[in-house]
Protein backbone atom coordinates (compact mmCIF):
# COMPACT_ATOMS: atom_id res chain seq x y z
CA UNK A 1 -61.40 -8.62 6.06
CA UNK A 2 -61.75 -5.18 5.34
CA UNK A 3 -65.06 -3.85 5.23
CA UNK A 4 -65.85 -2.11 1.71
CA UNK A 5 -65.84 1.74 3.44
CA UNK A 6 -62.12 0.55 5.00
CA UNK A 7 -61.04 -0.16 1.26
CA UNK A 8 -62.13 3.08 0.19
CA UNK A 9 -60.22 4.74 3.00
CA UNK A 10 -57.37 3.08 2.41
CA UNK A 11 -57.48 3.55 -1.48
CA UNK A 12 -57.39 7.41 -0.45
CA UNK A 13 -54.53 7.28 1.73
CA UNK A 14 -52.34 5.16 -1.08
CA UNK A 15 -53.75 7.83 -3.35
CA UNK A 16 -52.67 10.65 -1.27
CA UNK A 17 -49.28 9.32 -0.57
CA UNK A 18 -48.67 8.43 -4.27
CA UNK A 19 -49.67 11.99 -5.27
CA UNK A 20 -46.97 13.21 -2.02
CA UNK A 21 -44.16 10.95 -3.83
CA UNK A 22 -44.91 12.56 -7.23
CA UNK A 23 -44.75 16.17 -6.33
CA UNK A 24 -41.41 15.54 -4.70
CA UNK A 25 -39.80 14.60 -7.76
CA UNK A 26 -40.87 18.19 -9.20
CA UNK A 27 -37.96 20.50 -9.44
CA UNK A 28 -38.93 24.03 -7.93
CA UNK A 29 -36.22 26.98 -8.05
CA UNK A 30 -34.83 28.39 -4.61
CA UNK A 31 -36.49 31.86 -6.14
CA UNK A 32 -40.42 30.29 -6.38
CA UNK A 33 -39.72 28.82 -3.16
CA UNK A 34 -38.96 32.08 -1.12
CA UNK A 35 -41.77 33.68 -2.89
CA UNK A 36 -44.27 30.88 -2.13
CA UNK A 37 -43.16 30.91 1.89
CA UNK A 38 -43.24 35.13 1.61
CA UNK A 39 -46.80 34.92 0.11
CA UNK A 40 -47.60 32.16 3.19
CA UNK A 41 -46.44 35.23 5.78
CA UNK A 42 -48.89 37.65 4.13
CA UNK A 43 -52.04 35.33 3.56
CA UNK A 44 -51.07 34.04 7.46
CA UNK A 45 -51.31 37.77 8.67
CA UNK A 46 -54.72 38.61 6.51
CA UNK A 47 -56.56 35.53 7.14
CA UNK A 48 -55.89 35.63 11.27
CA UNK A 49 -59.82 36.02 11.61
CA UNK A 50 -60.49 32.79 10.09
CA UNK A 51 -57.72 30.76 11.83
CA UNK A 52 -59.14 32.13 15.13
CA UNK A 53 -62.56 30.95 14.36
CA UNK A 54 -61.21 27.87 13.24
CA UNK A 55 -59.12 27.52 16.19
CA UNK A 56 -61.69 28.25 18.39
CA UNK A 57 -63.84 25.68 17.58
CA UNK A 58 -61.02 23.18 18.61
CA UNK A 59 -60.89 24.83 22.06
CA UNK A 60 -64.59 24.74 22.79
CA UNK A 61 -63.98 20.80 23.03
CA UNK A 62 -61.20 20.93 25.55
CA UNK A 63 -60.95 22.05 29.35
CA UNK A 64 -59.11 25.05 29.69
CA UNK A 65 -57.39 23.37 32.61
CA UNK A 66 -56.04 20.83 30.59
CA UNK A 67 -52.49 21.20 29.65
CA UNK A 68 -52.56 21.03 26.34
CA UNK A 69 -54.89 23.78 26.06
CA UNK A 70 -52.11 26.60 25.96
CA UNK A 71 -50.65 24.30 22.99
CA UNK A 72 -53.40 24.57 21.41
CA UNK A 73 -54.83 27.94 21.83
CA UNK A 74 -54.12 30.90 19.13
CA UNK A 75 -54.07 34.41 19.07
CA UNK A 76 -53.33 37.22 17.47
CA UNK A 77 -49.86 37.57 18.76
CA UNK A 78 -49.09 33.69 18.08
CA UNK A 79 -50.43 34.36 14.50
CA UNK A 80 -48.03 36.80 14.35
CA UNK A 81 -44.96 34.51 15.26
CA UNK A 82 -46.08 31.83 13.07
CA UNK A 83 -46.17 34.03 10.14
CA UNK A 84 -42.68 35.59 11.20
CA UNK A 85 -41.16 31.91 11.54
CA UNK A 86 -42.44 31.36 8.25
CA UNK A 87 -40.74 34.43 6.89
CA UNK A 88 -37.20 33.65 8.66
CA UNK A 89 -37.13 30.38 6.81
CA UNK A 90 -37.96 32.22 3.52
CA UNK A 91 -34.84 34.32 3.86
CA UNK A 92 -32.52 31.45 5.18
CA UNK A 93 -29.64 29.95 2.71
CA UNK A 94 -31.13 26.71 0.95
CA UNK A 95 -29.96 23.50 2.49
CA UNK A 96 -29.47 21.96 -0.97
CA UNK A 97 -26.76 21.10 -3.15
CA UNK A 98 -24.38 21.96 -0.81
CA UNK A 99 -21.33 20.36 -1.70
CA UNK A 100 -20.09 18.08 1.62
CA UNK A 101 -16.58 17.32 -0.02
CA UNK A 102 -15.13 16.53 -3.44
CA UNK A 103 -12.05 14.57 -4.39
CA UNK A 104 -10.59 12.80 -7.30
CA UNK A 105 -10.16 9.04 -6.59
CA UNK A 106 -8.06 8.69 -9.28
CA UNK A 107 -7.08 11.16 -12.42
CA UNK A 108 -10.10 11.81 -14.12
CA UNK A 109 -12.70 10.34 -12.33
CA UNK A 110 -14.35 12.82 -9.57
CA UNK A 111 -16.12 12.04 -6.51
CA UNK A 112 -18.87 14.82 -5.24
CA UNK A 113 -21.11 14.56 -2.08
CA UNK A 114 -23.71 17.17 -2.17
CA UNK A 115 -27.07 17.39 0.25
CA UNK A 116 -30.80 16.78 -1.59
CA UNK A 117 -33.66 16.52 -0.10
CA UNK A 118 -35.20 13.59 1.97
CA UNK A 119 -38.55 12.96 0.06
CA UNK A 120 -41.93 12.44 2.06
CA UNK A 121 -41.96 13.83 5.49
CA UNK A 122 -44.75 12.76 7.55
CA UNK A 123 -45.99 14.98 10.98
CA UNK A 124 -47.71 12.91 13.55
CA UNK A 125 -48.64 15.48 16.45
CA UNK A 126 -50.91 16.51 19.01
CA UNK A 127 -52.70 19.66 19.87
CA UNK A 128 -50.05 22.07 18.12
CA UNK A 129 -51.56 23.86 15.12
CA UNK A 130 -48.01 25.88 14.77
CA UNK A 131 -46.70 22.93 13.71
CA UNK A 132 -48.77 22.70 10.74
CA UNK A 133 -46.99 25.75 9.17
CA UNK A 134 -43.39 24.98 10.68
CA UNK A 135 -43.52 21.95 9.29
CA UNK A 136 -44.82 22.89 5.88
CA UNK A 137 -42.38 25.66 5.67
CA UNK A 138 -39.29 23.96 6.90
CA UNK A 139 -40.21 20.89 4.43
CA UNK A 140 -40.51 23.13 1.80
CA UNK A 141 -37.99 24.90 1.86
CA UNK A 142 -36.01 21.55 2.03
CA UNK A 143 -37.44 20.27 -1.07
CA UNK A 144 -39.47 17.87 0.68
CA UNK A 145 -43.50 17.15 0.21
CA UNK A 146 -44.92 17.08 3.96
CA UNK A 147 -47.54 14.65 4.88
CA UNK A 148 -49.26 16.02 8.27
CA UNK A 149 -51.60 13.65 10.82
CA UNK A 150 -52.48 15.96 13.69
CA UNK A 151 -54.25 15.29 16.99
CA UNK A 152 -57.67 15.01 16.86
CA UNK A 153 -58.13 18.20 19.16
CA UNK A 154 -56.37 20.64 16.53
CA UNK A 155 -58.64 19.24 13.49
CA UNK A 156 -60.33 22.73 12.71
CA UNK A 157 -57.09 24.77 12.86
CA UNK A 158 -55.20 22.07 10.96
CA UNK A 159 -57.74 22.21 8.36
CA UNK A 160 -57.76 25.88 8.18
CA UNK A 161 -53.82 26.34 7.81
CA UNK A 162 -53.64 23.84 5.27
CA UNK A 163 -56.34 25.18 3.04
CA UNK A 164 -54.17 28.63 3.46
CA UNK A 165 -51.16 27.00 2.50
CA UNK A 166 -52.65 24.86 -0.50
CA UNK A 167 -54.40 28.49 -1.64
CA UNK A 168 -50.84 30.18 -1.28
CA UNK A 169 -49.51 26.91 -3.82
CA UNK A 170 -52.11 27.17 -6.22
CA UNK A 171 -51.54 30.52 -6.70
CA UNK A 172 -48.15 30.31 -7.64
CA UNK A 173 -49.18 27.45 -10.11
CA UNK A 174 -47.89 24.61 -7.75
CA UNK A 175 -49.53 20.99 -6.76
CA UNK A 176 -51.13 21.74 -3.58
CA UNK A 177 -49.88 17.93 -3.15
CA UNK A 178 -46.75 19.68 -1.42
CA UNK A 179 -48.60 19.62 1.71
CA UNK A 180 -51.46 17.01 2.47
CA UNK A 181 -53.51 16.80 5.72
CA UNK A 182 -54.58 12.95 6.71
CA UNK A 183 -58.27 13.18 9.14
CA UNK A 184 -57.49 9.46 9.60
CA UNK A 185 -59.68 6.85 11.02
CA UNK A 186 -58.04 5.21 14.00
CA UNK A 187 -58.37 1.66 11.60
CA UNK A 188 -55.66 3.79 8.85
CA UNK A 189 -53.36 4.34 11.22
CA UNK A 190 -51.82 0.65 11.33
CA UNK A 191 -51.07 1.60 6.92
CA UNK A 192 -49.64 4.79 7.41
CA UNK A 193 -47.33 3.62 9.84
CA UNK A 194 -46.05 0.70 7.34
CA UNK A 195 -46.06 2.71 4.43
CA UNK A 196 -42.63 2.36 3.43
CA UNK A 197 -42.91 2.98 -0.39
CA UNK A 198 -44.28 6.08 -0.13
CA UNK A 199 -42.83 7.86 3.02
CA UNK A 200 -39.10 8.38 3.48
CA UNK A 201 -39.39 8.93 7.48
CA UNK A 202 -41.75 9.99 9.92
CA UNK A 203 -41.40 12.30 12.84
CA UNK A 204 -43.92 11.98 15.70
CA UNK A 205 -44.28 15.38 17.82
CA UNK A 206 -46.38 15.32 21.10
CA UNK A 207 -46.52 12.92 24.52
CA UNK A 208 -43.95 10.18 24.97
CA UNK A 209 -47.14 7.73 24.79
CA UNK A 210 -47.09 8.97 21.01
CA UNK A 211 -43.70 8.95 20.51
CA UNK A 212 -43.88 5.38 21.34
CA UNK A 213 -46.38 4.19 19.44
CA UNK A 214 -45.36 5.07 16.64
CA UNK A 215 -41.72 3.80 16.91
CA UNK A 216 -42.98 0.44 17.96
CA UNK A 217 -45.63 -0.03 15.13
CA UNK A 218 -43.84 1.78 12.57
CA UNK A 219 -41.70 0.15 9.46
CA UNK A 220 -40.98 3.78 8.16
CA UNK A 221 -37.68 5.17 9.46
CA UNK A 222 -38.19 7.32 12.29
CA UNK A 223 -36.99 10.68 14.02
CA UNK A 224 -37.53 11.00 17.47
CA UNK A 225 -38.49 14.15 19.26
CA UNK A 226 -39.20 13.31 22.81
CA UNK A 227 -40.61 14.70 25.60
CA UNK A 228 -39.01 17.19 27.65
CA UNK A 229 -38.13 15.92 31.10
CA UNK A 230 -35.72 19.08 32.18
CA UNK A 231 -33.79 19.80 34.80
CA UNK A 232 -31.82 22.31 36.66
CA UNK A 233 -28.98 21.78 39.33
CA UNK A 234 -27.71 24.61 41.54
CA UNK A 235 -24.41 24.07 42.74
CA UNK A 236 -23.00 24.75 45.97
CA UNK A 237 -21.29 28.22 44.46
CA UNK A 238 -23.94 30.27 42.57
CA UNK A 239 -25.11 33.64 42.46
CA UNK A 240 -28.68 33.37 43.53
CA UNK A 241 -30.41 36.31 41.52
CA UNK A 242 -29.06 34.35 38.52
CA UNK A 243 -30.92 31.41 39.83
CA UNK A 244 -33.95 32.65 40.71
CA UNK A 245 -34.40 34.83 37.33
CA UNK A 246 -33.18 31.25 34.89
CA UNK A 247 -35.51 28.84 37.55
CA UNK A 248 -38.89 30.88 37.20
CA UNK A 249 -38.36 31.84 33.49
CA UNK A 250 -37.54 27.98 32.63
CA UNK A 251 -40.73 26.70 35.14
CA UNK A 252 -43.43 29.21 34.00
CA UNK A 253 -42.64 31.03 30.51
CA UNK A 254 -44.89 28.07 29.17
CA UNK A 255 -45.49 25.37 31.52
CA UNK A 256 -46.74 23.00 28.76
CA UNK A 257 -43.90 23.24 26.08
CA UNK A 258 -40.77 20.89 25.93
CA UNK A 259 -38.10 22.82 27.42
CA UNK A 260 -40.27 24.05 30.46
CA UNK A 261 -38.25 23.12 33.86
CA UNK A 262 -39.42 19.68 35.44
CA UNK A 263 -37.13 19.11 38.08
CA UNK A 264 -34.53 22.03 40.59
CA UNK A 265 -31.69 19.48 41.92
CA UNK A 266 -29.42 21.95 44.66
CA UNK A 267 -26.44 21.04 46.49
CA UNK A 268 -26.50 20.18 50.50
CA UNK A 269 -24.38 22.90 51.16
CA UNK A 270 -26.95 25.61 49.64
CA UNK A 271 -30.06 23.97 51.06
CA UNK A 272 -30.17 27.36 53.62
CA UNK A 273 -30.53 29.19 50.18
CA UNK A 274 -32.98 27.53 48.78
CA UNK A 275 -36.61 29.34 50.61
CA UNK A 276 -35.28 32.60 48.93
CA UNK A 277 -34.72 30.36 45.72
CA UNK A 278 -38.36 29.23 45.47
CA UNK A 279 -40.04 32.26 46.57
CA UNK A 280 -40.83 33.68 42.66
CA UNK A 281 -41.95 29.96 41.98
CA UNK A 282 -44.02 30.40 45.12
CA UNK A 283 -45.92 33.78 43.65
CA UNK A 284 -46.95 32.01 40.57
CA UNK A 285 -48.38 29.79 42.44
CA UNK A 286 -46.24 26.53 41.28
CA UNK A 287 -47.12 23.17 43.27
CA UNK A 288 -43.61 22.23 44.70
CA UNK A 289 -42.57 18.75 45.46
CA UNK A 290 -39.92 17.98 47.66
CA UNK A 291 -37.69 15.35 49.13
CA UNK A 292 -37.00 14.99 52.82
CA UNK A 293 -33.95 17.80 53.12
CA UNK A 294 -35.41 20.22 51.32
CA UNK A 295 -38.74 19.88 52.90
CA UNK A 296 -36.85 20.32 56.27
CA UNK A 297 -35.68 23.68 55.30
CA UNK A 298 -38.92 24.59 53.54
CA UNK A 299 -42.00 22.89 55.51
CA UNK A 300 -44.87 24.14 52.79
CA UNK A 301 -43.67 22.05 50.38
CA UNK A 302 -45.11 18.59 49.70
CA UNK A 303 -43.88 15.71 50.19
CA UNK A 304 -42.02 13.76 46.83
CA UNK A 305 -43.07 10.33 45.64
CA UNK A 306 -40.62 8.20 43.77
CA UNK A 307 -42.92 7.97 40.40
CA UNK A 308 -41.67 12.27 40.52
CA UNK A 309 -38.62 11.34 39.36
CA UNK A 310 -38.35 11.51 35.46
CA UNK A 311 -41.77 12.90 35.06
CA UNK A 312 -42.75 15.93 32.40
CA UNK A 313 -45.31 17.90 34.38
CA UNK A 314 -46.34 20.33 31.26
CA UNK A 315 -47.96 21.92 34.19
CA UNK A 316 -47.10 24.66 37.47
CA UNK A 317 -45.80 22.09 39.42
CA UNK A 318 -42.10 21.62 39.91
CA UNK A 319 -39.78 18.83 41.64
CA UNK A 320 -37.19 19.88 43.94
CA UNK A 321 -34.42 17.28 45.42
CA UNK A 322 -31.06 17.72 46.92
CA UNK A 323 -27.60 16.45 45.98
CA UNK A 324 -24.25 15.69 47.72
CA UNK A 325 -22.29 16.94 44.61
CA UNK A 326 -22.39 17.73 40.81
CA UNK A 327 -21.29 14.14 40.18
CA UNK A 328 -24.40 12.89 42.04
CA UNK A 329 -25.99 15.69 40.10
CA UNK A 330 -25.03 14.47 36.57
CA UNK A 331 -26.18 10.63 37.42
CA UNK A 332 -29.43 11.68 38.58
CA UNK A 333 -29.99 13.37 35.31
CA UNK A 334 -28.59 11.07 32.89
CA UNK A 335 -30.76 8.37 34.80
CA UNK A 336 -33.70 10.33 35.01
CA UNK A 337 -33.97 12.72 32.28
CA UNK A 338 -34.89 12.45 28.49
CA UNK A 339 -31.74 14.06 26.57
CA UNK A 340 -33.91 17.40 26.16
CA UNK A 341 -32.30 20.15 27.96
CA UNK A 342 -30.69 20.60 31.39
CA UNK A 343 -29.02 23.20 32.92
CA UNK A 344 -26.36 24.08 35.51
CA UNK A 345 -26.31 27.56 37.80
CA UNK A 346 -22.91 28.06 38.89
CA UNK A 347 -19.59 30.13 39.30
CA UNK A 348 -17.56 26.78 39.97
CA UNK A 349 -15.91 26.31 36.30
CA UNK A 350 -14.53 23.18 37.30
CA UNK A 351 -17.86 22.18 38.01
CA UNK A 352 -19.41 23.36 34.99
CA UNK A 353 -17.47 21.98 32.68
CA UNK A 354 -18.06 18.64 34.52
CA UNK A 355 -21.60 19.18 34.31
CA UNK A 356 -20.95 19.72 30.27
CA UNK A 357 -19.20 16.64 29.61
CA UNK A 358 -21.22 14.36 31.63
CA UNK A 359 -24.83 15.18 30.96
CA UNK A 360 -26.40 12.83 27.72
CA UNK A 361 -28.25 15.91 26.73
CA UNK A 362 -28.88 17.46 23.00
CA UNK A 363 -28.40 21.00 24.68
CA UNK A 364 -26.87 22.11 28.22
CA UNK A 365 -27.35 25.26 29.30
CA UNK A 366 -24.90 26.97 32.28
CA UNK A 367 -26.91 29.91 34.25
CA UNK A 368 -29.19 30.39 31.38
CA UNK A 369 -32.94 29.46 31.06
CA UNK A 370 -33.75 26.19 29.03
CA UNK A 371 -36.38 28.11 27.40
CA UNK A 372 -34.34 28.87 24.23
CA UNK A 373 -34.54 25.58 23.16
CA UNK A 374 -36.30 26.38 19.96
CA UNK A 375 -34.98 26.09 16.86
CA UNK A 376 -36.43 29.97 15.88
CA UNK A 377 -33.99 31.33 19.17
CA UNK A 378 -31.18 29.38 17.97
CA UNK A 379 -31.24 30.96 14.60
CA UNK A 380 -32.48 28.14 12.67
CA UNK A 381 -35.71 29.84 11.54
CA UNK A 382 -37.96 27.27 12.96
CA UNK A 383 -38.17 23.92 14.23
CA UNK A 384 -39.83 20.78 13.05
CA UNK A 385 -38.89 19.13 16.32
CA UNK A 386 -36.28 19.16 18.97
CA UNK A 387 -34.66 15.71 18.53
CA UNK A 388 -33.49 13.63 21.40
CA UNK A 389 -31.65 10.85 19.67
CA UNK A 390 -28.47 10.63 18.21
CA UNK A 391 -28.40 9.53 14.88
CA UNK A 392 -29.24 11.81 11.55
CA UNK A 393 -30.04 14.62 13.94
CA UNK A 394 -30.01 15.94 17.77
CA UNK A 395 -31.34 19.10 19.50
CA UNK A 396 -33.57 21.47 17.86
CA UNK A 397 -34.19 20.44 14.31
CA UNK A 398 -34.67 22.28 10.64
CA UNK A 399 -33.43 22.78 7.42
CA UNK A 400 -30.30 21.04 7.65
CA UNK A 401 -32.43 17.95 9.04
CA UNK A 402 -34.30 18.18 6.85
CA UNK A 403 -31.84 16.62 4.18
CA UNK A 404 -29.41 13.78 2.90
CA UNK A 405 -26.79 13.54 0.69
CA UNK A 406 -26.18 11.63 -2.35
CA UNK A 407 -22.64 11.26 -3.92
CA UNK A 408 -21.97 12.42 -7.79
CA UNK A 409 -19.14 10.26 -9.79
CA UNK A 410 -18.08 11.58 -13.17
CA UNK A 411 -15.66 10.29 -14.93
CA UNK A 412 -13.89 9.62 -18.66
CA UNK A 413 -14.82 5.81 -19.57
CA UNK A 414 -13.27 4.83 -16.31
CA UNK A 415 -14.06 1.10 -15.55
CA UNK A 416 -12.62 -0.95 -12.29
CA UNK A 417 -10.15 -4.03 -12.59
């Protein structure tokens, strides 16, 4: 039996979701959409101090040594970056109403397939307040309403950002329900995950445990934005300086993000170069775990344990292992990777081609840092997540991934016999 208090909470949740559905059916011109997003970018910049104050309340509840601290933390530069991403989205071509194809089924009977919004998109995410703005801007540009369930660790930050978004919507004479920020009790989550009459798709973004929980407990279609277990394979013929730069950047640019490097595989014929390859990482105080072969040439490394295969560190830690050839590297990555981002550092074009074709991952890099796996870097304006599945969308997802299609059939009194 539900308590009276829980019944009230569930009634409120249903009301909020119904308003999101109703709002998703409202027609808004592309001109107005662009203006709202441009105004939002300005508002984020103008209200930076307000955002930072809210963010500090969240930071005060988290240990600075927690890898999620960096994901949670906002500063002037990061807020400016969020605002710039909103401007980029505003300037993109609308993904709506595009003709996928059209033709005459028979004389006078015309079929057209066009792009349309998904409807109501629910984001469930952890400790990354930038997702709040990215999700809204992309959903709004693509004609969707956005329902947000952020983690409790970013509660104040998310509330402040949504307040700014809603203020901008109201200033433009639009419903504030284009974005809804849910602060749910734990016992309401099952109801949200089963709200298939209101929500068209759920996009979980965060830890492996969060994504698995959503996938296993929802009746709503899910687009998975999986954890990033990222690998780089160093071949037997490679440029040492390129390898040092790529691996250092992929590992240490931001250790808490999903495109950060977790494992380096090195060809056994290249082991003599391993000490020099690891110097930049050691200077950054990266803790390195290694197999017996790698420890043989670098005795200072820590012995690796089997549980580190396929482990996402989100920290200044790295696994290094030796392989006999490119085929073994491919096999290892396909068994232990998360289908997010993987790289090869090589001068051998045959090995590069084999790696590109053999790796089952959303984004494959050649002599390049995996840090580029990002919607903004790919020219998508921003991203709502990085899909590691194969249906509907894969890799960095932005406007196109937030649309579906419908058929328009026009005739002249045609009937089917």
